[in-house]
Amino acid sequence: MHLKQRIDAGHCLIGAGLYTNCPEVIEYCAKGMDWIWWETQHTHVDWQGTIQGVRAAYGAGIPLLIRSWTHDGATLERMLDTGAEGIIVPMVNTKEEAESIVSRCFYPPLGNRSFGATRPEIIEADLDEWNKRIVTIMQIETPQAVENAEAIAAVPGVTGLLLGARDLALRLGKSTTQYNAEEQVASAVSHLLEACKRTGKVAAAVSLTPTALCARIAEGYRLICAGMDLDHLQESYSRMTKAAQEMLTEMSANDAEGPNPV
């Protein structure tokens, strides 16, 4: 089953986020994941780097979604022309913005996407099949977007909504970290989920800890990115450094006490 089919079937799908844009992370660390979040909004990966990431994902048998940095239709088409299974689009605030985005993701008669790229044709020559498998996730990151969440989700061709909890918290004047952002915007977490339920679309989220991930699953979120690779690297190295410092402190204390008397 393609990723879109699994989403439509209600499967709970856990993804790996690649902030490092490293194909080796896909091949080595993302085994067993349901999908890949390939980050381009806050990284500086070039087009060839993105194509290599998509190729690595296909080689590993893991569908890849590209998180865009723009609503520009021509750029969104180029992202999909890499052969990616779909896109995640930030800062979608209105139904009209969602309609414009979606129109450039699907070939006629469903949309206005231009034909001509070779990679999608190599993967699947039937354009109708591509129209069935493209995933489009709209990010809800502002108070305006929260207010319009149901209207955005109801746009034909929108697969689901993803809450950008930290950006939303910032725009509400709340101090937050990536680890407690959902707690700061709890009402929006519930509102987005209800909007998706009423429109039959998938609710998506980013969860950096097992506790947060399980909480989102229990709430009904079904497309969840289990954090970015960089976050997990930082956490892992911090744990190792802390363990080393504690051991060195203990050894230093033992040395200061001197040898035990016989």
C-alpha atoms as a PDB file:
ATOM      1  CA  MET A   1       0.000   0.000   0.000  1.00  0.00           C
ATOM      2  CA  HIS A   2       1.141   3.525  -0.731  1.00  0.00           C
ATOM      3  CA  LEU A   3       1.407   6.017   2.133  1.00  0.00           C
ATOM      4  CA  LYS A   4      -1.823   7.754   1.050  1.00  0.00           C
ATOM      5  CA  GLN A   5      -3.681   4.442   1.060  1.00  0.00           C
ATOM      6  CA  ARG A   6      -2.413   3.656   4.546  1.00  0.00           C
ATOM      7  CA  ILE A   7      -3.467   7.102   5.758  1.00  0.00           C
ATOM      8  CA  ASP A   8      -6.925   6.663   4.247  1.00  0.00           C
ATOM      9  CA  ALA A   9      -7.188   3.232   5.888  1.00  0.00           C
ATOM     10  CA  GLY A  10      -6.630   4.815   9.312  1.00  0.00           C
ATOM     11  CA  HIS A  11      -3.222   3.289  10.037  1.00  0.00           C
ATOM     12  CA  CYS A  12      -1.087   4.930  12.720  1.00  0.00           C
ATOM     13  CA  LEU A  13       2.083   5.964  10.889  1.00  0.00           C
ATOM     14  CA  ILE A  14       5.279   7.002  12.667  1.00  0.00           C
ATOM     15  CA  GLY A  15       7.847   8.991  10.720  1.00  0.00           C
ATOM     16  CA  ALA A  16      11.495   9.964  11.054  1.00  0.00           C
ATOM     17  CA  GLY A  17      12.429  13.622  10.660  1.00  0.00           C
ATOM     18  CA  LEU A  18      15.632  14.413   8.753  1.00  0.00           C
ATOM     19  CA  TYR A  19      16.963  17.840   9.596  1.00  0.00           C
ATOM     20  CA  THR A  20      20.473  16.774   8.574  1.00  0.00           C
ATOM     21  CA  ASN A  21      19.306  15.898   5.031  1.00  0.00           C
ATOM     22  CA  CYS A  22      21.594  12.883   5.176  1.00  0.00           C
ATOM     23  CA  PRO A  23      20.664   9.896   2.947  1.00  0.00           C
ATOM     24  CA  GLU A  24      22.719   7.603   5.193  1.00  0.00           C
ATOM     25  CA  VAL A  25      20.369   8.361   8.073  1.00  0.00           C
ATOM     26  CA  ILE A  26      17.498   7.074   5.939  1.00  0.00           C
ATOM     27  CA  GLU A  27      19.391   3.930   5.022  1.00  0.00           C
ATOM     28  CA  TYR A  28      20.772   3.176   8.481  1.00  0.00           C
ATOM     29  CA  CYS A  29      18.621   4.838  11.160  1.00  0.00           C
ATOM     30  CA  ALA A  30      15.137   5.008   9.671  1.00  0.00           C
ATOM     31  CA  LYS A  31      14.625   1.284   9.179  1.00  0.00           C
ATOM     32  CA  GLY A  32      11.170   0.259  10.269  1.00  0.00           C
ATOM     33  CA  MET A  33       9.729   3.773  10.096  1.00  0.00           C
ATOM     34  CA  ASP A  34       6.528   4.351   8.144  1.00  0.00           C
ATOM     35  CA  TRP A  35       7.588   7.569   6.431  1.00  0.00           C
ATOM     36  CA  ILE A  36      10.290  10.238   6.211  1.00  0.00           C
ATOM     37  CA  TRP A  37       9.996  13.987   6.875  1.00  0.00           C
ATOM     38  CA  TRP A  38      12.630  15.624   4.627  1.00  0.00           C
ATOM     39  CA  GLU A  39      13.236  19.130   5.949  1.00  0.00           C
ATOM     40  CA  THR A  40      13.842  22.012   3.553  1.00  0.00           C
ATOM     41  CA  GLN A  41      12.192  24.968   5.305  1.00  0.00           C
ATOM     42  CA  HIS A  42      14.870  25.424   7.964  1.00  0.00           C
ATOM     43  CA  THR A  43      17.835  23.771   6.272  1.00  0.00           C
ATOM     44  CA  HIS A  44      19.903  24.747   3.247  1.00  0.00           C
ATOM     45  CA  VAL A  45      19.841  21.519   1.271  1.00  0.00           C
ATOM     46  CA  ASP A  46      19.994  21.991  -2.509  1.00  0.00           C
ATOM     47  CA  TRP A  47      17.894  20.268  -5.143  1.00  0.00           C
ATOM     48  CA  GLN A  48      20.417  17.514  -5.848  1.00  0.00           C
ATOM     49  CA  GLY A  49      20.638  16.786  -2.126  1.00  0.00           C
ATOM     50  CA  THR A  50      16.863  16.449  -1.965  1.00  0.00           C
ATOM     51  CA  ILE A  51      16.794  14.138  -4.976  1.00  0.00           C
ATOM     52  CA  GLN A  52      19.431  11.931  -3.319  1.00  0.00           C
ATOM     53  CA  GLY A  53      17.287  11.818  -0.185  1.00  0.00           C
ATOM     54  CA  VAL A  54      14.233  10.759  -2.181  1.00  0.00           C
ATOM     55  CA  ARG A  55      16.264   8.087  -3.957  1.00  0.00           C
ATOM     56  CA  ALA A  56      17.589   6.755  -0.656  1.00  0.00           C
ATOM     57  CA  ALA A  57      14.055   6.629   0.728  1.00  0.00           C
ATOM     58  CA  TYR A  58      12.794   4.669  -2.279  1.00  0.00           C
ATOM     59  CA  GLY A  59      15.757   2.330  -1.983  1.00  0.00           C
ATOM     60  CA  ALA A  60      14.886   1.747   1.663  1.00  0.00           C
ATOM     61  CA  GLY A  61      11.203   1.300   0.844  1.00  0.00           C
ATOM     62  CA  ILE A  62      10.107   4.268   2.978  1.00  0.00           C
ATOM     63  CA  PRO A  63       7.828   6.976   1.524  1.00  0.00           C
ATOM     64  CA  LEU A  64       9.173  10.513   1.857  1.00  0.00           C
ATOM     65  CA  LEU A  65       7.347  13.808   2.352  1.00  0.00           C
ATOM     66  CA  ILE A  66       9.171  17.092   1.725  1.00  0.00           C
ATOM     67  CA  ARG A  67       8.473  19.956   4.110  1.00  0.00           C
ATOM     68  CA  SER A  68       8.420  23.038   1.902  1.00  0.00           C
ATOM     69  CA  TRP A  69       9.626  26.553   2.697  1.00  0.00           C
ATOM     70  CA  THR A  70       7.111  28.222   0.396  1.00  0.00           C
ATOM     71  CA  HIS A  71       3.590  28.238  -1.031  1.00  0.00           C
ATOM     72  CA  ASP A  72       4.932  29.029  -4.500  1.00  0.00           C
ATOM     73  CA  GLY A  73       3.281  26.639  -6.942  1.00  0.00           C
ATOM     74  CA  ALA A  74       6.238  26.208  -9.281  1.00  0.00           C
ATOM     75  CA  THR A  75       8.504  25.311  -6.349  1.00  0.00           C
ATOM     76  CA  LEU A  76       5.979  22.843  -4.945  1.00  0.00           C
ATOM     77  CA  GLU A  77       5.823  21.163  -8.360  1.00  0.00           C
ATOM     78  CA  ARG A  78       9.620  20.840  -8.441  1.00  0.00           C
ATOM     79  CA  MET A  79       9.529  19.213  -5.013  1.00  0.00           C
ATOM     80  CA  LEU A  80       7.006  16.649  -6.208  1.00  0.00           C
ATOM     81  CA  ASP A  81       9.007  16.201  -9.426  1.00  0.00           C
ATOM     82  CA  THR A  82      11.761  14.618  -7.310  1.00  0.00           C
ATOM     83  CA  GLY A  83       9.444  11.632  -6.900  1.00  0.00           C
ATOM     84  CA  ALA A  84       8.469  12.436  -3.321  1.00  0.00           C
ATOM     85  CA  GLU A  85       5.156  11.013  -2.122  1.00  0.00           C
ATOM     86  CA  GLY A  86       3.923  14.417  -1.051  1.00  0.00           C
ATOM     87  CA  ILE A  87       4.554  17.682   0.746  1.00  0.00           C
ATOM     88  CA  ILE A  88       4.125  19.350   4.105  1.00  0.00           C
ATOM     89  CA  VAL A  89       3.409  23.055   3.674  1.00  0.00           C
ATOM     90  CA  PRO A  90       4.002  25.549   6.499  1.00  0.00           C
ATOM     91  CA  MET A  91       1.949  28.578   7.542  1.00  0.00           C
ATOM     92  CA  VAL A  92      -1.290  27.764   5.752  1.00  0.00           C
ATOM     93  CA  ASN A  93      -3.786  30.253   7.156  1.00  0.00           C
ATOM     94  CA  THR A  94      -6.831  30.167   4.907  1.00  0.00           C
ATOM     95  CA  LYS A  95      -8.949  27.915   2.725  1.00  0.00           C
ATOM     96  CA  GLU A  96      -7.880  29.935  -0.310  1.00  0.00           C
ATOM     97  CA  GLU A  97      -4.199  29.334   0.399  1.00  0.00           C
ATOM     98  CA  ALA A  98      -4.860  25.595   0.741  1.00  0.00           C
ATOM     99  CA  GLU A  99      -6.791  25.546  -2.542  1.00  0.00           C
ATOM    100  CA  SER A 100      -3.934  27.277  -4.356  1.00  0.00           C
ATOM    101  CA  ILE A 101      -1.385  24.842  -2.918  1.00  0.00           C
ATOM    102  CA  VAL A 102      -3.410  21.747  -3.733  1.00  0.00           C
ATOM    103  CA  SER A 103      -4.046  22.864  -7.313  1.00  0.00           C
ATOM    104  CA  ARG A 104      -0.309  22.591  -8.043  1.00  0.00           C
ATOM    105  CA  CYS A 105       0.047  19.135  -6.481  1.00  0.00           C
ATOM    106  CA  PHE A 106      -2.353  17.204  -8.716  1.00  0.00           C
ATOM    107  CA  TYR A 107      -2.396  16.642 -12.458  1.00  0.00           C
ATOM    108  CA  PRO A 108      -5.513  17.567 -14.464  1.00  0.00           C
ATOM    109  CA  PRO A 109      -8.405  17.072 -14.112  1.00  0.00           C
ATOM    110  CA  LEU A 110      -7.921  17.283 -10.309  1.00  0.00           C
ATOM    111  CA  GLY A 111      -5.409  20.118 -10.388  1.00  0.00           C
ATOM    112  CA  ASN A 112      -3.100  22.177 -12.546  1.00  0.00           C
ATOM    113  CA  ARG A 113       0.261  20.456 -11.995  1.00  0.00           C
ATOM    114  CA  SER A 114       2.533  20.573 -15.028  1.00  0.00           C
ATOM    115  CA  PHE A 115       3.732  17.329 -16.619  1.00  0.00           C
ATOM    116  CA  GLY A 116       7.320  16.854 -17.739  1.00  0.00           C
ATOM    117  CA  ALA A 117       9.563  15.531 -14.947  1.00  0.00           C
ATOM    118  CA  THR A 118      11.291  12.203 -15.545  1.00  0.00           C
ATOM    119  CA  ARG A 119      11.572  10.857 -11.978  1.00  0.00           C
ATOM    120  CA  PRO A 120       7.838  10.596 -11.270  1.00  0.00           C
ATOM    121  CA  GLU A 121       7.329   8.970 -14.675  1.00  0.00           C
ATOM    122  CA  ILE A 122      10.004   6.361 -13.918  1.00  0.00           C
ATOM    123  CA  ILE A 123       8.351   5.565 -10.583  1.00  0.00           C
ATOM    124  CA  GLU A 124       4.769   5.572 -11.891  1.00  0.00           C
ATOM    125  CA  ALA A 125       3.845   6.411 -15.483  1.00  0.00           C
ATOM    126  CA  ASP A 126       0.098   6.629 -14.843  1.00  0.00           C
ATOM    127  CA  LEU A 127      -0.779  10.199 -13.842  1.00  0.00           C
ATOM    128  CA  ASP A 128      -4.123   9.078 -12.438  1.00  0.00           C
ATOM    129  CA  GLU A 129      -2.233   6.819 -10.045  1.00  0.00           C
ATOM    130  CA  TRP A 130      -0.062   9.751  -8.941  1.00  0.00           C
ATOM    131  CA  ASN A 131      -3.215  11.733  -8.290  1.00  0.00           C
ATOM    132  CA  LYS A 132      -4.370   8.925  -5.990  1.00  0.00           C
ATOM    133  CA  ARG A 133      -1.125   8.717  -4.002  1.00  0.00           C
ATOM    134  CA  ILE A 134       0.001  12.337  -3.465  1.00  0.00           C
ATOM    135  CA  VAL A 135      -0.113  13.401   0.205  1.00  0.00           C
ATOM    136  CA  THR A 136      -0.669  17.064   1.076  1.00  0.00           C
ATOM    137  CA  ILE A 137      -0.333  18.156   4.703  1.00  0.00           C
ATOM    138  CA  MET A 138      -1.166  21.733   5.686  1.00  0.00           C
ATOM    139  CA  GLN A 139       0.564  23.147   8.769  1.00  0.00           C
ATOM    140  CA  ILE A 140      -1.566  25.076  11.257  1.00  0.00           C
ATOM    141  CA  GLU A 141       0.770  27.539  13.007  1.00  0.00           C
ATOM    142  CA  THR A 142      -1.103  30.788  13.674  1.00  0.00           C
ATOM    143  CA  PRO A 143      -4.280  31.815  15.527  1.00  0.00           C
ATOM    144  CA  GLN A 144      -5.861  32.593  12.145  1.00  0.00           C
ATOM    145  CA  ALA A 145      -5.056  29.081  10.905  1.00  0.00           C
ATOM    146  CA  VAL A 146      -6.537  27.520  14.045  1.00  0.00           C
ATOM    147  CA  GLU A 147      -9.729  29.495  13.472  1.00  0.00           C
ATOM    148  CA  ASN A 148      -9.848  28.316   9.849  1.00  0.00           C
ATOM    149  CA  ALA A 149      -8.664  24.750  10.521  1.00  0.00           C
ATOM    150  CA  GLU A 150     -11.878  22.997   9.553  1.00  0.00           C
ATOM    151  CA  ALA A 151     -12.266  25.019   6.348  1.00  0.00           C
ATOM    152  CA  ILE A 152      -8.654  24.266   5.404  1.00  0.00           C
ATOM    153  CA  ALA A 153      -9.071  20.557   6.115  1.00  0.00           C
ATOM    154  CA  ALA A 154     -12.270  20.434   4.045  1.00  0.00           C
ATOM    155  CA  VAL A 155     -10.493  21.555   0.855  1.00  0.00           C
ATOM    156  CA  PRO A 156     -10.579  18.676  -1.671  1.00  0.00           C
ATOM    157  CA  GLY A 157      -7.078  17.258  -2.071  1.00  0.00           C
ATOM    158  CA  VAL A 158      -5.909  18.178   1.428  1.00  0.00           C
ATOM    159  CA  THR A 159      -4.820  14.968   3.152  1.00  0.00           C
ATOM    160  CA  GLY A 160      -4.566  16.369   6.662  1.00  0.00           C
ATOM    161  CA  LEU A 161      -3.471  19.047   9.081  1.00  0.00           C
ATOM    162  CA  LEU A 162      -0.301  19.242  11.159  1.00  0.00           C
ATOM    163  CA  LEU A 163      -0.103  21.447  14.218  1.00  0.00           C
ATOM    164  CA  GLY A 164       2.996  23.653  14.376  1.00  0.00           C
ATOM    165  CA  ALA A 165       2.757  23.924  18.147  1.00  0.00           C
ATOM    166  CA  ARG A 166       5.882  25.941  18.797  1.00  0.00           C
ATOM    167  CA  ASP A 167       5.189  28.561  16.132  1.00  0.00           C
ATOM    168  CA  LEU A 168       1.613  28.845  17.360  1.00  0.00           C
ATOM    169  CA  ALA A 169       2.762  29.253  20.970  1.00  0.00           C
ATOM    170  CA  LEU A 170       5.184  31.999  19.926  1.00  0.00           C
ATOM    171  CA  ARG A 171       2.395  33.857  18.142  1.00  0.00           C
ATOM    172  CA  LEU A 172       0.268  33.598  21.261  1.00  0.00           C
ATOM    173  CA  GLY A 173       3.064  35.145  23.330  1.00  0.00           C
ATOM    174  CA  LYS A 174       3.813  31.952  25.241  1.00  0.00           C
ATOM    175  CA  SER A 175       7.316  30.886  26.212  1.00  0.00           C
ATOM    176  CA  THR A 176       7.926  27.334  25.086  1.00  0.00           C
ATOM    177  CA  THR A 177      10.420  24.680  24.032  1.00  0.00           C
ATOM    178  CA  GLN A 178      10.060  21.893  21.526  1.00  0.00           C
ATOM    179  CA  TYR A 179       9.378  19.562  24.451  1.00  0.00           C
ATOM    180  CA  ASN A 180       6.385  21.368  25.983  1.00  0.00           C
ATOM    181  CA  ALA A 181       4.857  23.271  23.064  1.00  0.00           C
ATOM    182  CA  GLU A 182       1.769  21.048  22.836  1.00  0.00           C
ATOM    183  CA  GLU A 183       1.027  21.660  26.524  1.00  0.00           C
ATOM    184  CA  GLN A 184       1.129  25.425  25.902  1.00  0.00           C
ATOM    185  CA  VAL A 185      -1.450  25.177  23.111  1.00  0.00           C
ATOM    186  CA  ALA A 186      -3.553  22.285  24.404  1.00  0.00           C
ATOM    187  CA  SER A 187      -6.831  23.778  23.180  1.00  0.00           C
ATOM    188  CA  ALA A 188      -5.441  24.009  19.631  1.00  0.00           C
ATOM    189  CA  VAL A 189      -4.305  20.368  19.824  1.00  0.00           C
ATOM    190  CA  SER A 190      -7.898  19.349  20.537  1.00  0.00           C
ATOM    191  CA  HIS A 191      -9.387  21.807  18.027  1.00  0.00           C
ATOM    192  CA  LEU A 192      -7.215  20.524  15.167  1.00  0.00           C
ATOM    193  CA  LEU A 193      -8.095  16.924  15.994  1.00  0.00           C
ATOM    194  CA  GLU A 194     -11.820  17.705  15.969  1.00  0.00           C
ATOM    195  CA  ALA A 195     -11.498  19.605  12.677  1.00  0.00           C
ATOM    196  CA  CYS A 196      -9.853  16.569  11.104  1.00  0.00           C
ATOM    197  CA  LYS A 197     -12.477  14.189  12.484  1.00  0.00           C
ATOM    198  CA  ARG A 198     -15.336  16.288  11.126  1.00  0.00           C
ATOM    199  CA  THR A 199     -13.782  16.459   7.655  1.00  0.00           C
ATOM    200  CA  GLY A 200     -12.419  12.920   7.513  1.00  0.00           C
ATOM    201  CA  LYS A 201      -8.796  14.068   7.228  1.00  0.00           C
ATOM    202  CA  VAL A 202      -5.722  12.845   9.103  1.00  0.00           C
ATOM    203  CA  ALA A 203      -4.420  14.730  12.140  1.00  0.00           C
ATOM    204  CA  ALA A 204      -0.615  14.993  12.138  1.00  0.00           C
ATOM    205  CA  ALA A 205       1.890  16.065  14.783  1.00  0.00           C
ATOM    206  CA  VAL A 206       5.553  16.123  15.762  1.00  0.00           C
ATOM    207  CA  SER A 207       6.452  14.352  19.017  1.00  0.00           C
ATOM    208  CA  LEU A 208       9.983  14.378  20.422  1.00  0.00           C
ATOM    209  CA  THR A 209       9.499  11.981  23.330  1.00  0.00           C
ATOM    210  CA  PRO A 210       7.838   8.575  23.727  1.00  0.00           C
ATOM    211  CA  THR A 211       5.452  10.113  26.268  1.00  0.00           C
ATOM    212  CA  ALA A 212       4.337  12.839  23.871  1.00  0.00           C
ATOM    213  CA  LEU A 213       4.055  10.397  20.990  1.00  0.00           C
ATOM    214  CA  CYS A 214       1.852   8.023  22.974  1.00  0.00           C
ATOM    215  CA  ALA A 215      -0.300  10.943  24.120  1.00  0.00           C
ATOM    216  CA  ARG A 216      -0.917  11.995  20.522  1.00  0.00           C
ATOM    217  CA  ILE A 217      -1.771   8.420  19.526  1.00  0.00           C
ATOM    218  CA  ALA A 218      -4.240   8.155  22.413  1.00  0.00           C
ATOM    219  CA  GLU A 219      -5.856  11.426  21.311  1.00  0.00           C
ATOM    220  CA  GLY A 220      -6.362  10.154  17.777  1.00  0.00           C
ATOM    221  CA  TYR A 221      -3.420  11.572  15.839  1.00  0.00           C
ATOM    222  CA  ARG A 222      -2.404   9.098  13.145  1.00  0.00           C
ATOM    223  CA  LEU A 223       0.489  10.708  11.227  1.00  0.00           C
ATOM    224  CA  ILE A 224       3.251  11.465  13.700  1.00  0.00           C
ATOM    225  CA  CYS A 225       6.854  12.510  13.151  1.00  0.00           C
ATOM    226  CA  ALA A 226       8.925  11.112  16.005  1.00  0.00           C
ATOM    227  CA  GLY A 227      11.232  14.134  16.138  1.00  0.00           C
ATOM    228  CA  MET A 228      14.163  15.263  14.027  1.00  0.00           C
ATOM    229  CA  ASP A 229      17.400  13.309  13.787  1.00  0.00           C
ATOM    230  CA  LEU A 230      19.315  16.322  15.117  1.00  0.00           C
ATOM    231  CA  ASP A 231      17.153  16.420  18.263  1.00  0.00           C
ATOM    232  CA  HIS A 232      17.816  12.756  18.974  1.00  0.00           C
ATOM    233  CA  LEU A 233      21.552  13.155  18.354  1.00  0.00           C
ATOM    234  CA  GLN A 234      21.699  16.089  20.762  1.00  0.00           C
ATOM    235  CA  GLU A 235      19.769  14.167  23.419  1.00  0.00           C
ATOM    236  CA  SER A 236      21.927  11.067  23.018  1.00  0.00           C
ATOM    237  CA  TYR A 237      25.229  12.955  23.214  1.00  0.00           C
ATOM    238  CA  SER A 238      23.951  14.927  26.224  1.00  0.00           C
ATOM    239  CA  ARG A 239      23.168  11.667  28.037  1.00  0.00           C
ATOM    240  CA  MET A 240      26.637  10.300  27.264  1.00  0.00           C
ATOM    241  CA  THR A 241      28.325  13.518  28.399  1.00  0.00           C
ATOM    242  CA  LYS A 242      26.304  13.590  31.614  1.00  0.00           C
ATOM    243  CA  ALA A 243      27.199   9.964  32.378  1.00  0.00           C
ATOM    244  CA  ALA A 244      30.897  10.701  31.828  1.00  0.00           C
ATOM    245  CA  GLN A 245      30.802  13.792  34.046  1.00  0.00           C
ATOM    246  CA  GLU A 246      29.067  11.897  36.839  1.00  0.00           C
ATOM    247  CA  MET A 247      31.656   9.132  36.670  1.00  0.00           C
ATOM    248  CA  LEU A 248      34.548  11.605  36.712  1.00  0.00           C
ATOM    249  CA  THR A 249      33.012  13.440  39.694  1.00  0.00           C
ATOM    250  CA  GLU A 250      32.654  10.150  41.569  1.00  0.00           C
ATOM    251  CA  MET A 251      36.252   9.159  40.794  1.00  0.00           C
ATOM    252  CA  SER A 252      37.511  12.581  41.893  1.00  0.00           C
ATOM    253  CA  ALA A 253      35.629  12.298  45.180  1.00  0.00           C
ATOM    254  CA  ASN A 254      37.080   8.844  45.806  1.00  0.00           C
ATOM    255  CA  ASP A 255      40.608  10.094  45.097  1.00  0.00           C
ATOM    256  CA  ALA A 256      40.132  12.990  47.546  1.00  0.00           C
ATOM    257  CA  GLU A 257      39.154  10.593  50.317  1.00  0.00           C
ATOM    258  CA  GLY A 258      42.412   8.718  49.885  1.00  0.00           C
ATOM    259  CA  PRO A 259      42.999   4.963  50.180  1.00  0.00           C
ATOM    260  CA  ASN A 260      40.926   3.009  52.662  1.00  0.00           C
ATOM    261  CA  PRO A 261      42.901   2.104  55.801  1.00  0.00           C
ATOM    262  CA  VAL A 262      43.955  -1.513  56.118  1.00  0.00           C
END
